[in-house]
Each structure stands twice: as structure tokens, then as C-alpha cells.
C-alpha atoms as a PDB file:
ATOM      1  CA  MET A   1       0.000   0.000   0.000  1.00  0.00           C
ATOM      2  CA  LYS A   2       1.237   3.473  -0.876  1.00  0.00           C
ATOM      3  CA  TYR A   3       0.136   6.659   0.863  1.00  0.00           C
ATOM      4  CA  LYS A   4       1.371  10.217   1.177  1.00  0.00           C
ATOM      5  CA  LEU A   5       0.315  13.544   2.693  1.00  0.00           C
ATOM      6  CA  TYR A   6       0.800  16.835   0.817  1.00  0.00           C
ATOM      7  CA  HIS A   7       0.506  20.085   2.770  1.00  0.00           C
ATOM      8  CA  GLY A   8       2.258  23.396   3.480  1.00  0.00           C
ATOM      9  CA  GLN A   9       1.910  27.160   3.301  1.00  0.00           C
ATOM     10  CA  SER A  10       1.539  27.071  -0.493  1.00  0.00           C
ATOM     11  CA  ALA A  11      -1.686  25.282  -1.409  1.00  0.00           C
ATOM     12  CA  TYR A  12      -0.885  25.676  -5.104  1.00  0.00           C
ATOM     13  CA  LEU A  13       2.549  24.035  -4.913  1.00  0.00           C
ATOM     14  CA  SER A  14       1.396  21.181  -2.676  1.00  0.00           C
ATOM     15  CA  LEU A  15      -1.594  20.464  -4.948  1.00  0.00           C
ATOM     16  CA  GLN A  16       0.633  20.632  -8.015  1.00  0.00           C
ATOM     17  CA  SER A  17       3.004  18.102  -6.446  1.00  0.00           C
ATOM     18  CA  ALA A  18       0.131  15.789  -5.536  1.00  0.00           C
ATOM     19  CA  HIS A  19      -1.359  15.924  -9.034  1.00  0.00           C
ATOM     20  CA  ARG A  20       1.971  15.110 -10.664  1.00  0.00           C
ATOM     21  CA  ASP A  21       2.622  12.127  -8.401  1.00  0.00           C
ATOM     22  CA  ILE A  22      -0.910  10.856  -8.968  1.00  0.00           C
ATOM     23  CA  GLU A  23      -0.563  11.144 -12.739  1.00  0.00           C
ATOM     24  CA  LYS A  24       2.724   9.250 -12.593  1.00  0.00           C
ATOM     25  CA  GLU A  25       1.212   6.358 -10.606  1.00  0.00           C
ATOM     26  CA  LYS A  26      -1.879   6.379 -12.804  1.00  0.00           C
ATOM     27  CA  ASP A  27       0.110   6.098 -16.037  1.00  0.00           C
ATOM     28  CA  GLU A  28       2.623   3.563 -14.753  1.00  0.00           C
ATOM     29  CA  ASN A  29       0.057   1.213 -13.205  1.00  0.00           C
ATOM     30  CA  GLN A  30      -3.025   1.924 -15.357  1.00  0.00           C
ATOM     31  CA  LEU A  31      -5.133   2.843 -12.327  1.00  0.00           C
ATOM     32  CA  LYS A  32      -8.388   4.732 -11.949  1.00  0.00           C
ATOM     33  CA  VAL A  33      -8.492   7.804  -9.698  1.00  0.00           C
ATOM     34  CA  LEU A  34     -11.222   8.319  -7.115  1.00  0.00           C
ATOM     35  CA  THR A  35     -11.289  11.913  -5.824  1.00  0.00           C
ATOM     36  CA  ILE A  36     -12.982  12.593  -2.487  1.00  0.00           C
ATOM     37  CA  ASN A  37     -13.698  16.151  -1.332  1.00  0.00           C
ATOM     38  CA  ALA A  38     -13.448  15.147   2.308  1.00  0.00           C
ATOM     39  CA  ASP A  39     -14.258  18.572   3.730  1.00  0.00           C
ATOM     40  CA  THR A  40     -17.894  18.394   2.591  1.00  0.00           C
ATOM     41  CA  LEU A  41     -18.775  14.762   3.402  1.00  0.00           C
ATOM     42  CA  SER A  42     -19.938  13.128   6.608  1.00  0.00           C
ATOM     43  CA  ALA A  43     -17.654  10.750   8.460  1.00  0.00           C
ATOM     44  CA  GLN A  44     -19.814   7.771   7.415  1.00  0.00           C
ATOM     45  CA  GLN A  45     -19.797   8.799   3.755  1.00  0.00           C
ATOM     46  CA  ILE A  46     -15.999   8.921   3.760  1.00  0.00           C
ATOM     47  CA  ILE A  47     -15.624   5.548   5.482  1.00  0.00           C
ATOM     48  CA  ASP A  48     -18.183   3.939   3.142  1.00  0.00           C
ATOM     49  CA  THR A  49     -16.413   5.332   0.074  1.00  0.00           C
ATOM     50  CA  LEU A  50     -13.047   4.055   1.245  1.00  0.00           C
ATOM     51  CA  SER A  51     -14.499   0.643   2.038  1.00  0.00           C
ATOM     52  CA  SER A  52     -16.164   0.235  -1.359  1.00  0.00           C
ATOM     53  CA  GLN A  53     -14.298  -1.430  -4.207  1.00  0.00           C
ATOM     54  CA  ASP A  54     -14.498  -1.063  -7.974  1.00  0.00           C
ATOM     55  CA  LEU A  55     -16.034  -4.214  -9.455  1.00  0.00           C
ATOM     56  CA  PHE A  56     -13.765  -4.014 -12.484  1.00  0.00           C
ATOM     57  CA  SER A  57     -10.505  -3.170 -10.756  1.00  0.00           C
ATOM     58  CA  SER A  58      -8.732  -4.585  -7.721  1.00  0.00           C
ATOM     59  CA  GLN A  59      -6.625  -1.461  -7.226  1.00  0.00           C
ATOM     60  CA  ARG A  60      -7.207   2.275  -7.504  1.00  0.00           C
ATOM     61  CA  ILE A  61      -5.821   5.655  -6.492  1.00  0.00           C
ATOM     62  CA  VAL A  62      -7.832   7.413  -3.782  1.00  0.00           C
ATOM     63  CA  PHE A  63      -7.254  11.164  -3.640  1.00  0.00           C
ATOM     64  CA  LEU A  64      -8.618  12.713  -0.432  1.00  0.00           C
ATOM     65  CA  LYS A  65      -8.748  16.506  -0.415  1.00  0.00           C
ATOM     66  CA  ARG A  66      -8.992  18.735   2.670  1.00  0.00           C
ATOM     67  CA  VAL A  67      -9.576  15.970   5.228  1.00  0.00           C
ATOM     68  CA  TYR A  68      -8.378  18.266   8.008  1.00  0.00           C
ATOM     69  CA  SER A  69     -10.965  20.916   7.133  1.00  0.00           C
ATOM     70  CA  ASN A  70     -13.827  18.553   7.968  1.00  0.00           C
ATOM     71  CA  LYS A  71     -15.369  19.656  11.254  1.00  0.00           C
ATOM     72  CA  ASN A  72     -16.022  15.994  12.138  1.00  0.00           C
ATOM     73  CA  LYS A  73     -12.533  14.773  11.254  1.00  0.00           C
ATOM     74  CA  ASP A  74     -12.018  13.243  14.711  1.00  0.00           C
ATOM     75  CA  ASP A  75     -14.820  10.791  13.917  1.00  0.00           C
ATOM     76  CA  PHE A  76     -12.988   9.160  11.023  1.00  0.00           C
ATOM     77  CA  LEU A  77      -9.288  10.095  11.063  1.00  0.00           C
ATOM     78  CA  THR A  78      -8.473   7.300  13.510  1.00  0.00           C
ATOM     79  CA  GLU A  79     -10.202   4.757  11.254  1.00  0.00           C
ATOM     80  CA  ILE A  80      -8.318   6.019   8.208  1.00  0.00           C
ATOM     81  CA  ILE A  81      -4.972   5.827   9.995  1.00  0.00           C
ATOM     82  CA  THR A  82      -5.803   2.321  11.208  1.00  0.00           C
ATOM     83  CA  LEU A  83      -6.614   1.312   7.628  1.00  0.00           C
ATOM     84  CA  LEU A  84      -3.264   2.637   6.441  1.00  0.00           C
ATOM     85  CA  GLU A  85      -1.362   1.005   9.313  1.00  0.00           C
ATOM     86  CA  THR A  86      -2.804  -2.455   8.669  1.00  0.00           C
ATOM     87  CA  GLY A  87      -1.894  -2.307   4.998  1.00  0.00           C
ATOM     88  CA  THR A  88      -4.869  -4.484   4.081  1.00  0.00           C
ATOM     89  CA  SER A  89      -6.145  -2.253   1.264  1.00  0.00           C
ATOM     90  CA  PRO A  90      -4.631  -2.603  -2.230  1.00  0.00           C
ATOM     91  CA  ASP A  91      -5.360   1.059  -2.989  1.00  0.00           C
ATOM     92  CA  TYR A  92      -2.961   3.997  -3.197  1.00  0.00           C
ATOM     93  CA  TYR A  93      -3.908   6.886  -0.897  1.00  0.00           C
ATOM     94  CA  PHE A  94      -2.941  10.504  -1.542  1.00  0.00           C
ATOM     95  CA  PHE A  95      -4.004  13.165   0.987  1.00  0.00           C
ATOM     96  CA  TRP A  96      -3.892  16.878   0.169  1.00  0.00           C
ATOM     97  CA  GLU A  97      -4.499  19.739   2.592  1.00  0.00           C
ATOM     98  CA  ASP A  98      -4.833  23.394   1.564  1.00  0.00           C
ATOM     99  CA  GLN A  99      -3.031  24.421   4.747  1.00  0.00           C
ATOM    100  CA  LYS A 100       0.011  23.560   6.810  1.00  0.00           C
ATOM    101  CA  ILE A 101      -0.792  20.806   9.303  1.00  0.00           C
ATOM    102  CA  ARG A 102       0.591  21.263  12.805  1.00  0.00           C
ATOM    103  CA  THR A 103       3.477  18.954  13.612  1.00  0.00           C
ATOM    104  CA  ASN A 104       2.018  17.922  16.990  1.00  0.00           C
ATOM    105  CA  THR A 105      -1.114  16.319  15.491  1.00  0.00           C
ATOM    106  CA  LYS A 106      -1.559  12.551  15.223  1.00  0.00           C
ATOM    107  CA  TYR A 107      -2.425  13.060  11.550  1.00  0.00           C
ATOM    108  CA  TYR A 108       0.922  14.707  10.784  1.00  0.00           C
ATOM    109  CA  LYS A 109       2.982  12.414  13.007  1.00  0.00           C
ATOM    110  CA  PHE A 110       1.685   9.253  11.307  1.00  0.00           C
ATOM    111  CA  PHE A 111       2.848  10.347   7.848  1.00  0.00           C
ATOM    112  CA  LYS A 112       6.070  11.866   9.162  1.00  0.00           C
ATOM    113  CA  GLU A 113       7.063   8.625  10.888  1.00  0.00           C
ATOM    114  CA  LYS A 114       6.497   6.756   7.624  1.00  0.00           C
ATOM    115  CA  ASP A 115       8.509   9.327   5.679  1.00  0.00           C
ATOM    116  CA  ALA A 116       5.393   9.874   3.573  1.00  0.00           C
ATOM    117  CA  ILE A 117       4.931  13.616   3.753  1.00  0.00           C
ATOM    118  CA  VAL A 118       5.510  16.388   1.196  1.00  0.00           C
ATOM    119  CA  GLU A 119       5.582  19.950   2.508  1.00  0.00           C
ATOM    120  CA  LYS A 120       5.468  22.882   0.110  1.00  0.00           C
ATOM    121  CA  ASN A 121       5.876  26.356   1.565  1.00  0.00           C
ATOM    122  CA  ASN A 122       5.796  29.828   0.043  1.00  0.00           C
ATOM    123  CA  LEU A 123       8.739  30.784  -2.132  1.00  0.00           C
ATOM    124  CA  ASP A 124      11.077  33.718  -1.708  1.00  0.00           C
ATOM    125  CA  LYS A 125      12.985  35.150  -4.649  1.00  0.00           C
ATOM    126  CA  ARG A 126      15.893  32.706  -4.243  1.00  0.00           C
ATOM    127  CA  THR A 127      13.754  29.580  -3.960  1.00  0.00           C
ATOM    128  CA  PHE A 128      11.492  30.823  -6.758  1.00  0.00           C
ATOM    129  CA  PHE A 129      14.303  30.518  -9.279  1.00  0.00           C
ATOM    130  CA  THR A 130      15.074  26.990  -8.063  1.00  0.00           C
ATOM    131  CA  TRP A 131      11.397  26.114  -8.516  1.00  0.00           C
ATOM    132  CA  LEU A 132      11.348  27.772 -11.959  1.00  0.00           C
ATOM    133  CA  LYS A 133      14.335  25.712 -13.093  1.00  0.00           C
ATOM    134  CA  ASP A 134      12.545  22.509 -12.053  1.00  0.00           C
ATOM    135  CA  GLU A 135       9.283  23.680 -13.640  1.00  0.00           C
ATOM    136  CA  LEU A 136      10.982  24.306 -16.977  1.00  0.00           C
ATOM    137  CA  LYS A 137      12.476  20.817 -16.852  1.00  0.00           C
ATOM    138  CA  GLU A 138       9.097  19.293 -15.984  1.00  0.00           C
ATOM    139  CA  LEU A 139       7.487  21.035 -18.970  1.00  0.00           C
ATOM    140  CA  GLY A 140      10.374  20.196 -21.303  1.00  0.00           C
ATOM    141  CA  LEU A 141      11.212  23.852 -21.871  1.00  0.00           C
ATOM    142  CA  GLU A 142      14.325  25.975 -22.102  1.00  0.00           C
ATOM    143  CA  ILE A 143      14.490  29.726 -21.636  1.00  0.00           C
ATOM    144  CA  GLU A 144      17.008  32.337 -22.658  1.00  0.00           C
ATOM    145  CA  SER A 145      19.117  33.360 -19.673  1.00  0.00           C
ATOM    146  CA  ASN A 146      18.175  37.036 -20.022  1.00  0.00           C
ATOM    147  CA  ALA A 147      14.468  36.135 -20.058  1.00  0.00           C
ATOM    148  CA  THR A 148      14.363  34.245 -16.762  1.00  0.00           C
ATOM    149  CA  ARG A 149      14.365  37.244 -14.432  1.00  0.00           C
ATOM    150  CA  LEU A 150      11.995  39.166 -16.690  1.00  0.00           C
ATOM    151  CA  LEU A 151       9.468  36.317 -16.519  1.00  0.00           C
ATOM    152  CA  ALA A 152       9.847  36.160 -12.726  1.00  0.00           C
ATOM    153  CA  GLU A 153       9.305  39.900 -12.350  1.00  0.00           C
ATOM    154  CA  ARG A 154       6.317  40.036 -14.685  1.00  0.00           C
ATOM    155  CA  THR A 155       4.602  37.208 -12.830  1.00  0.00           C
ATOM    156  CA  ASN A 156       5.527  38.805  -9.492  1.00  0.00           C
ATOM    157  CA  TYR A 157       7.425  35.672  -8.378  1.00  0.00           C
ATOM    158  CA  ASN A 158       4.075  33.885  -8.132  1.00  0.00           C
ATOM    159  CA  PRO A 159       4.451  30.171  -9.042  1.00  0.00           C
ATOM    160  CA  GLU A 160       0.844  29.679 -10.117  1.00  0.00           C
ATOM    161  CA  ARG A 161       0.869  32.715 -12.382  1.00  0.00           C
ATOM    162  CA  CYS A 162       4.300  31.801 -13.725  1.00  0.00           C
ATOM    163  CA  SER A 163       3.263  28.199 -14.413  1.00  0.00           C
ATOM    164  CA  ASN A 164       0.245  29.408 -16.387  1.00  0.00           C
ATOM    165  CA  GLU A 165       2.450  31.758 -18.404  1.00  0.00           C
ATOM    166  CA  LEU A 166       4.905  28.938 -19.169  1.00  0.00           C
ATOM    167  CA  LYS A 167       2.103  26.747 -20.501  1.00  0.00           C
ATOM    168  CA  LYS A 168       0.957  29.627 -22.703  1.00  0.00           C
ATOM    169  CA  LEU A 169       4.479  30.324 -23.945  1.00  0.00           C
ATOM    170  CA  LYS A 170       5.025  26.635 -24.703  1.00  0.00           C
ATOM    171  CA  LEU A 171       2.217  26.744 -27.260  1.00  0.00           C
ATOM    172  CA  ILE A 172       3.985  29.334 -29.396  1.00  0.00           C
ATOM    173  CA  SER A 173       7.681  28.694 -28.679  1.00  0.00           C
ATOM    174  CA  LYS A 174       9.848  27.144 -31.359  1.00  0.00           C
ATOM    175  CA  ASP A 175      11.687  23.969 -30.360  1.00  0.00           C
ATOM    176  CA  ASN A 176      10.351  24.497 -26.805  1.00  0.00           C
ATOM    177  CA  LYS A 177      12.757  27.389 -26.204  1.00  0.00           C
ATOM    178  CA  ILE A 178      11.319  30.599 -24.766  1.00  0.00           C
ATOM    179  CA  THR A 179      12.928  33.848 -25.878  1.00  0.00           C
ATOM    180  CA  ARG A 180      13.068  37.185 -24.111  1.00  0.00           C
ATOM    181  CA  SER A 181      11.088  38.725 -26.943  1.00  0.00           C
ATOM    182  CA  GLU A 182       8.257  36.229 -26.379  1.00  0.00           C
ATOM    183  CA  VAL A 183       8.165  37.036 -22.663  1.00  0.00           C
ATOM    184  CA  GLU A 184       8.122  40.779 -23.375  1.00  0.00           C
ATOM    185  CA  ASN A 185       5.327  40.508 -25.938  1.00  0.00           C
ATOM    186  CA  LEU A 186       3.115  37.835 -24.385  1.00  0.00           C
ATOM    187  CA  THR A 187       3.481  38.175 -20.617  1.00  0.00           C
ATOM    188  CA  SER A 188       1.697  41.215 -19.227  1.00  0.00           C
ATOM    189  CA  ASP A 189       3.336  43.108 -16.390  1.00  0.00           C
ATOM    190  CA  THR A 190       0.497  42.641 -13.897  1.00  0.00           C
ATOM    191  CA  LEU A 191       2.551  43.996 -10.997  1.00  0.00           C
ATOM    192  CA  GLU A 192       3.213  47.297 -12.751  1.00  0.00           C
ATOM    193  CA  LYS A 193      -0.479  47.521 -13.663  1.00  0.00           C
ATOM    194  CA  ASP A 194      -1.535  46.989 -10.045  1.00  0.00           C
ATOM    195  CA  ILE A 195       0.965  49.579  -8.816  1.00  0.00           C
ATOM    196  CA  TRP A 196      -0.345  52.164 -11.283  1.00  0.00           C
ATOM    197  CA  ASN A 197      -3.927  51.352 -10.300  1.00  0.00           C
ATOM    198  CA  LEU A 198      -2.938  51.931  -6.664  1.00  0.00           C
ATOM    199  CA  ILE A 199      -1.353  55.260  -7.509  1.00  0.00           C
ATOM    200  CA  ASP A 200      -4.355  56.336  -9.588  1.00  0.00           C
ATOM    201  CA  ALA A 201      -6.711  55.442  -6.738  1.00  0.00           C
ATOM    202  CA  ILE A 202      -4.591  57.475  -4.296  1.00  0.00           C
ATOM    203  CA  ASN A 203      -4.424  60.431  -6.691  1.00  0.00           C
ATOM    204  CA  ILE A 204      -8.215  60.617  -7.059  1.00  0.00           C
ATOM    205  CA  GLU A 205      -8.626  60.043  -3.301  1.00  0.00           C
ATOM    206  CA  ASN A 206     -10.486  56.744  -3.718  1.00  0.00           C
ATOM    207  CA  THR A 207      -9.546  55.339  -0.309  1.00  0.00           C
ATOM    208  CA  GLU A 208     -11.679  52.213  -0.643  1.00  0.00           C
ATOM    209  CA  GLU A 209     -10.078  51.234  -3.959  1.00  0.00           C
ATOM    210  CA  SER A 210      -6.505  52.070  -2.871  1.00  0.00           C
ATOM    211  CA  THR A 211      -6.934  49.975   0.289  1.00  0.00           C
ATOM    212  CA  LYS A 212      -8.291  47.065  -1.765  1.00  0.00           C
ATOM    213  CA  ILE A 213      -5.375  47.166  -4.228  1.00  0.00           C
ATOM    214  CA  LEU A 214      -2.806  47.541  -1.457  1.00  0.00           C
ATOM    215  CA  GLU A 215      -4.215  44.488   0.345  1.00  0.00           C
ATOM    216  CA  LYS A 216      -3.977  42.550  -2.920  1.00  0.00           C
ATOM    217  CA  LEU A 217      -0.336  43.562  -3.423  1.00  0.00           C
ATOM    218  CA  ILE A 218       0.561  42.602   0.147  1.00  0.00           C
ATOM    219  CA  SER A 219      -1.214  39.230  -0.181  1.00  0.00           C
ATOM    220  CA  GLN A 220       0.888  38.580  -3.310  1.00  0.00           C
ATOM    221  CA  ASN A 221       4.061  39.220  -1.283  1.00  0.00           C
ATOM    222  CA  VAL A 222       5.058  42.263  -3.323  1.00  0.00           C
ATOM    223  CA  ASP A 223       8.184  43.801  -1.803  1.00  0.00           C
ATOM    224  CA  ALA A 224       7.087  46.685   0.441  1.00  0.00           C
ATOM    225  CA  ASN A 225      10.223  48.603  -0.510  1.00  0.00           C
ATOM    226  CA  TYR A 226       9.176  48.456  -4.161  1.00  0.00           C
ATOM    227  CA  ILE A 227       5.731  49.835  -3.303  1.00  0.00           C
ATOM    228  CA  ILE A 228       7.339  52.665  -1.323  1.00  0.00           C
ATOM    229  CA  SER A 229       9.700  53.482  -4.192  1.00  0.00           C
ATOM    230  CA  MET A 230       6.759  53.710  -6.606  1.00  0.00           C
ATOM    231  CA  LEU A 231       4.779  55.896  -4.201  1.00  0.00           C
ATOM    232  CA  THR A 232       7.831  58.118  -3.807  1.00  0.00           C
ATOM    233  CA  ARG A 233       8.138  58.345  -7.588  1.00  0.00           C
ATOM    234  CA  ASN A 234       4.483  59.336  -7.796  1.00  0.00           C
ATOM    235  CA  LEU A 235       4.995  62.091  -5.220  1.00  0.00           C
ATOM    236  CA  ARG A 236       7.968  63.326  -7.223  1.00  0.00           C
ATOM    237  CA  LEU A 237       5.816  63.462 -10.396  1.00  0.00           C
ATOM    238  CA  ILE A 238       3.095  65.340  -8.519  1.00  0.00           C
ATOM    239  CA  THR A 239       5.669  67.851  -7.258  1.00  0.00           C
ATOM    240  CA  LEU A 240       7.109  68.373 -10.743  1.00  0.00           C
ATOM    241  CA  THR A 241       3.608  68.671 -12.229  1.00  0.00           C
ATOM    242  CA  LYS A 242       2.777  71.338  -9.656  1.00  0.00           C
ATOM    243  CA  TYR A 243       5.900  73.267 -10.675  1.00  0.00           C
ATOM    244  CA  LEU A 244       5.191  72.899 -14.416  1.00  0.00           C
ATOM    245  CA  LEU A 245       1.601  74.113 -13.969  1.00  0.00           C
ATOM    246  CA  GLU A 246       2.934  77.193 -12.224  1.00  0.00           C
ATOM    247  CA  GLU A 247       5.053  77.706 -15.362  1.00  0.00           C
ATOM    248  CA  SER A 248       1.826  77.497 -17.448  1.00  0.00           C
ATOM    249  CA  SER A 249       2.823  74.209 -19.097  1.00  0.00           C
ATOM    250  CA  SER A 250       0.147  72.319 -21.036  1.00  0.00           C
ATOM    251  CA  ALA A 251      -0.857  68.711 -20.371  1.00  0.00           C
ATOM    252  CA  GLY A 252       1.006  67.630 -23.501  1.00  0.00           C
ATOM    253  CA  SER A 253       4.119  69.466 -22.406  1.00  0.00           C
ATOM    254  CA  ILE A 254       3.926  67.902 -18.921  1.00  0.00           C
ATOM    255  CA  SER A 255       3.650  64.432 -20.464  1.00  0.00           C
ATOM    256  CA  LYS A 256       6.692  65.059 -22.649  1.00  0.00           C
ATOM    257  CA  THR A 257       8.795  66.683 -19.904  1.00  0.00           C
ATOM    258  CA  LEU A 258       8.067  64.018 -17.272  1.00  0.00           C
ATOM    259  CA  LYS A 259       8.175  61.200 -19.840  1.00  0.00           C
ATOM    260  CA  VAL A 260       4.878  59.711 -18.671  1.00  0.00           C
ATOM    261  CA  PRO A 261       1.913  58.444 -20.743  1.00  0.00           C
ATOM    262  CA  PRO A 262      -0.610  61.212 -21.595  1.00  0.00           C
ATOM    263  CA  PHE A 263      -3.456  59.350 -19.853  1.00  0.00           C
ATOM    264  CA  THR A 264      -1.674  59.658 -16.476  1.00  0.00           C
ATOM    265  CA  VAL A 265      -1.370  63.447 -16.658  1.00  0.00           C
ATOM    266  CA  PRO A 266      -4.968  64.369 -15.646  1.00  0.00           C
ATOM    267  CA  SER A 267      -4.688  62.522 -12.323  1.00  0.00           C
ATOM    268  CA  LEU A 268      -1.270  64.099 -11.706  1.00  0.00           C
ATOM    269  CA  ILE A 269      -2.682  67.559 -12.392  1.00  0.00           C
ATOM    270  CA  ASN A 270      -5.657  66.892 -10.132  1.00  0.00           C
ATOM    271  CA  SER A 271      -3.411  65.700  -7.292  1.00  0.00           C
ATOM    272  CA  SER A 272      -0.921  68.540  -7.705  1.00  0.00           C
ATOM    273  CA  LYS A 273      -3.737  71.018  -7.066  1.00  0.00           C
ATOM    274  CA  LYS A 274      -4.600  69.267  -3.800  1.00  0.00           C
ATOM    275  CA  TYR A 275      -1.034  68.830  -2.554  1.00  0.00           C
ATOM    276  CA  SER A 276       0.195  71.986  -0.858  1.00  0.00           C
ATOM    277  CA  ASP A 277       3.923  72.628  -0.438  1.00  0.00           C
ATOM    278  CA  LYS A 278       3.476  71.840   3.253  1.00  0.00           C
ATOM    279  CA  LYS A 279       1.859  68.470   2.519  1.00  0.00           C
ATOM    280  CA  ILE A 280       4.545  67.542  -0.017  1.00  0.00           C
ATOM    281  CA  LYS A 281       7.320  68.270   2.497  1.00  0.00           C
ATOM    282  CA  MET A 282       5.445  66.305   5.162  1.00  0.00           C
ATOM    283  CA  LEU A 283       5.059  63.274   2.868  1.00  0.00           C
ATOM    284  CA  TYR A 284       8.712  63.312   1.836  1.00  0.00           C
ATOM    285  CA  THR A 285       9.654  63.382   5.525  1.00  0.00           C
ATOM    286  CA  LYS A 286       7.263  60.508   6.310  1.00  0.00           C
ATOM    287  CA  MET A 287       8.597  58.391   3.438  1.00  0.00           C
ATOM    288  CA  SER A 288      12.208  59.026   4.400  1.00  0.00           C
ATOM    289  CA  ASN A 289      11.502  58.116   8.024  1.00  0.00           C
ATOM    290  CA  LEU A 290       9.629  54.969   6.987  1.00  0.00           C
ATOM    291  CA  ASP A 291      12.465  53.878   4.720  1.00  0.00           C
ATOM    292  CA  TYR A 292      14.900  54.359   7.623  1.00  0.00           C
ATOM    293  CA  GLN A 293      12.693  52.475  10.106  1.00  0.00           C
ATOM    294  CA  ILE A 294      12.254  49.517   7.724  1.00  0.00           C
ATOM    295  CA  LYS A 295      15.982  49.254   7.046  1.00  0.00           C
ATOM    296  CA  LYS A 296      16.695  49.405  10.779  1.00  0.00           C
ATOM    297  CA  GLY A 297      14.048  46.773  11.502  1.00  0.00           C
ATOM    298  CA  LEU A 298      12.009  49.172  13.642  1.00  0.00           C
ATOM    299  CA  ILE A 299       8.744  48.542  11.780  1.00  0.00           C
ATOM    300  CA  GLU A 300       7.271  45.677   9.782  1.00  0.00           C
ATOM    301  CA  PRO A 301       7.403  46.753   6.087  1.00  0.00           C
ATOM    302  CA  ASN A 302       3.814  45.879   5.131  1.00  0.00           C
ATOM    303  CA  LEU A 303       2.460  47.650   8.210  1.00  0.00           C
ATOM    304  CA  GLY A 304       4.536  50.696   7.346  1.00  0.00           C
ATOM    305  CA  VAL A 305       3.187  50.805   3.782  1.00  0.00           C
ATOM    306  CA  THR A 306      -0.379  50.429   5.040  1.00  0.00           C
ATOM    307  CA  LEU A 307       0.033  53.296   7.498  1.00  0.00           C
ATOM    308  CA  LEU A 308       1.668  55.453   4.826  1.00  0.00           C
ATOM    309  CA  SER A 309      -1.184  54.902   2.381  1.00  0.00           C
ATOM    310  CA  THR A 310      -3.679  56.401   4.859  1.00  0.00           C
ATOM    311  CA  ILE A 311      -2.061  59.828   4.686  1.00  0.00           C
ATOM    312  CA  LEU A 312      -1.366  60.046   0.959  1.00  0.00           C
END
């Protein structure tokens, strides 16, 4: 009998790993897959399903999803573990949880003792590139060295988004080799778009929208320092716009001088009229202090960005 538990901070990566292992066993042994959404079934339904056998097959793959999210899990987890311990079933059992299971639970300990546990946690920038290298190999792809970082940045170091982009790029790539030009032309810079949407919302004083976008960026693990740098850049553009308006510059001239798209100029002009010299100096001071506090470890970066956004 084979069994394994997949869990961790990254639900996407753990589920991806489970699916790939299941597909491998399915293809190698010509097995059927029975998927059980264990979080929505009663204890008796789960036990009955596990106890039933396919009339046309003596062996199958049983994929149990979100067992630990079932509010009645204590009523059947012991029976499941007993079933696995006895080894009397011919089936293969794969368990996937969309969370990280605590190490002091009987559920976790059983799989850990059997060396049958796969833990997938969130990636940082270093581990993302290791994952990306493995993902390219899994998909049978190569990528130009100068395109790797661009792809990572445009997908905001998000494995799910990056994996989807790779599958899209594979459809059009020649000889399964992705070029920098293909990444530039086919992979949208969603991070930059979100940042500009945040800045636009701040400039038109749409607090509800700016808060919503900021929460999204934080949930995607966007570097707080990058957000601050973009907000600082926006304040600089507002300051320069204010100066250019005082010099009677037109919107077209402002766009050309600041080297920004024409459609961003109206919001800059609107904000520059609301930002007094006193407020601009205050914001520059606040941003400088926040940058110092983050670098010194005196404040948590995401908290600092959130607090800063309330006064912009």
C-alpha cells in the first residue's frame, strides 16, 4: 500500500506536487483515480467510500482533499490511519491539505514517521528561481538566460501565475525554447499595472479602492520597498507637475517633460492642485523616516506601507 500527505503554506505548490505524483502512478500502473472532497462529506460517507471497491478493478488511487478541514474529522481520522497502518487495502492513498498541518497532530505524526509527507511552503525570490528551473524541466522547456528574471518579475514571483504563463508560452515557442522577446510581448506586467492602479486610486482620493489594491499587493508578497519606491516616484511626479503648472505648461508638455503616458497626466494635475507645499514636504519626511525604520528593523514593512497609504 502506498500513501502520502501533501501540505504546506503554499496550497498551489502542494496540490501541483500531488497531481503530478498521482498522474505518474496512474500512467505507470493503469489505475483509476477516485477523488474525495473530504471537507464536505460526513464521516460515514468517507468511510463507506473508502471501504467500497471497484467491481472491475482490484486497485485504484484514492485522492482525499482537505480531510483536516472537515469539522467531524475526529470521527474518522483514527479509522483512516488504522486502515493505512494495517496495509490491508490494495489502494494507493494521496491526501492533500490546503493548509500547513501542525506537527504535533496525530495526523501529521503518522505520515512523518512513515517518511510519507511532502511539505510545500511559500517561495522567496531565491527559492522561486530553483522552482522555476525545475518547472521548466518538468514542462520540457528551455528559456534564454536574459528572459528568466523578466518572466519572474512580470509574474511577481508567483508560481501559479508563472506556471500558467509557461504553458501559454510553450504553445507558441519554437523547439520548446522561450525567448526574451516572447516574454516581453506575451506576458503582461500585472505587478506594474496593479501599482499604477494603486497610484491612480490614491491620486483621485479613492480610499476604498486604494486599500483594496494595497491588500492585494501585500497578499501577493510584493516587496514593500518596491511599493514605497513607486509611491515616492508618484509624489515626485506630482511635485514636478505642480511646478510645471505654475510655469503654465500644457498637459502635452507635462507628459513630454516628465516622460509619462498622456493618460496619467490628468490625475497628476488633479493631485498637484490638492497637494500643498506643506503636505509635499510632510510626505517626503514621512517616506524618508519609513524607509529608515524599515531598514533598521524598527517597523514591519507591510504595516509601514499600510500606514503610509492612509495619509497620501
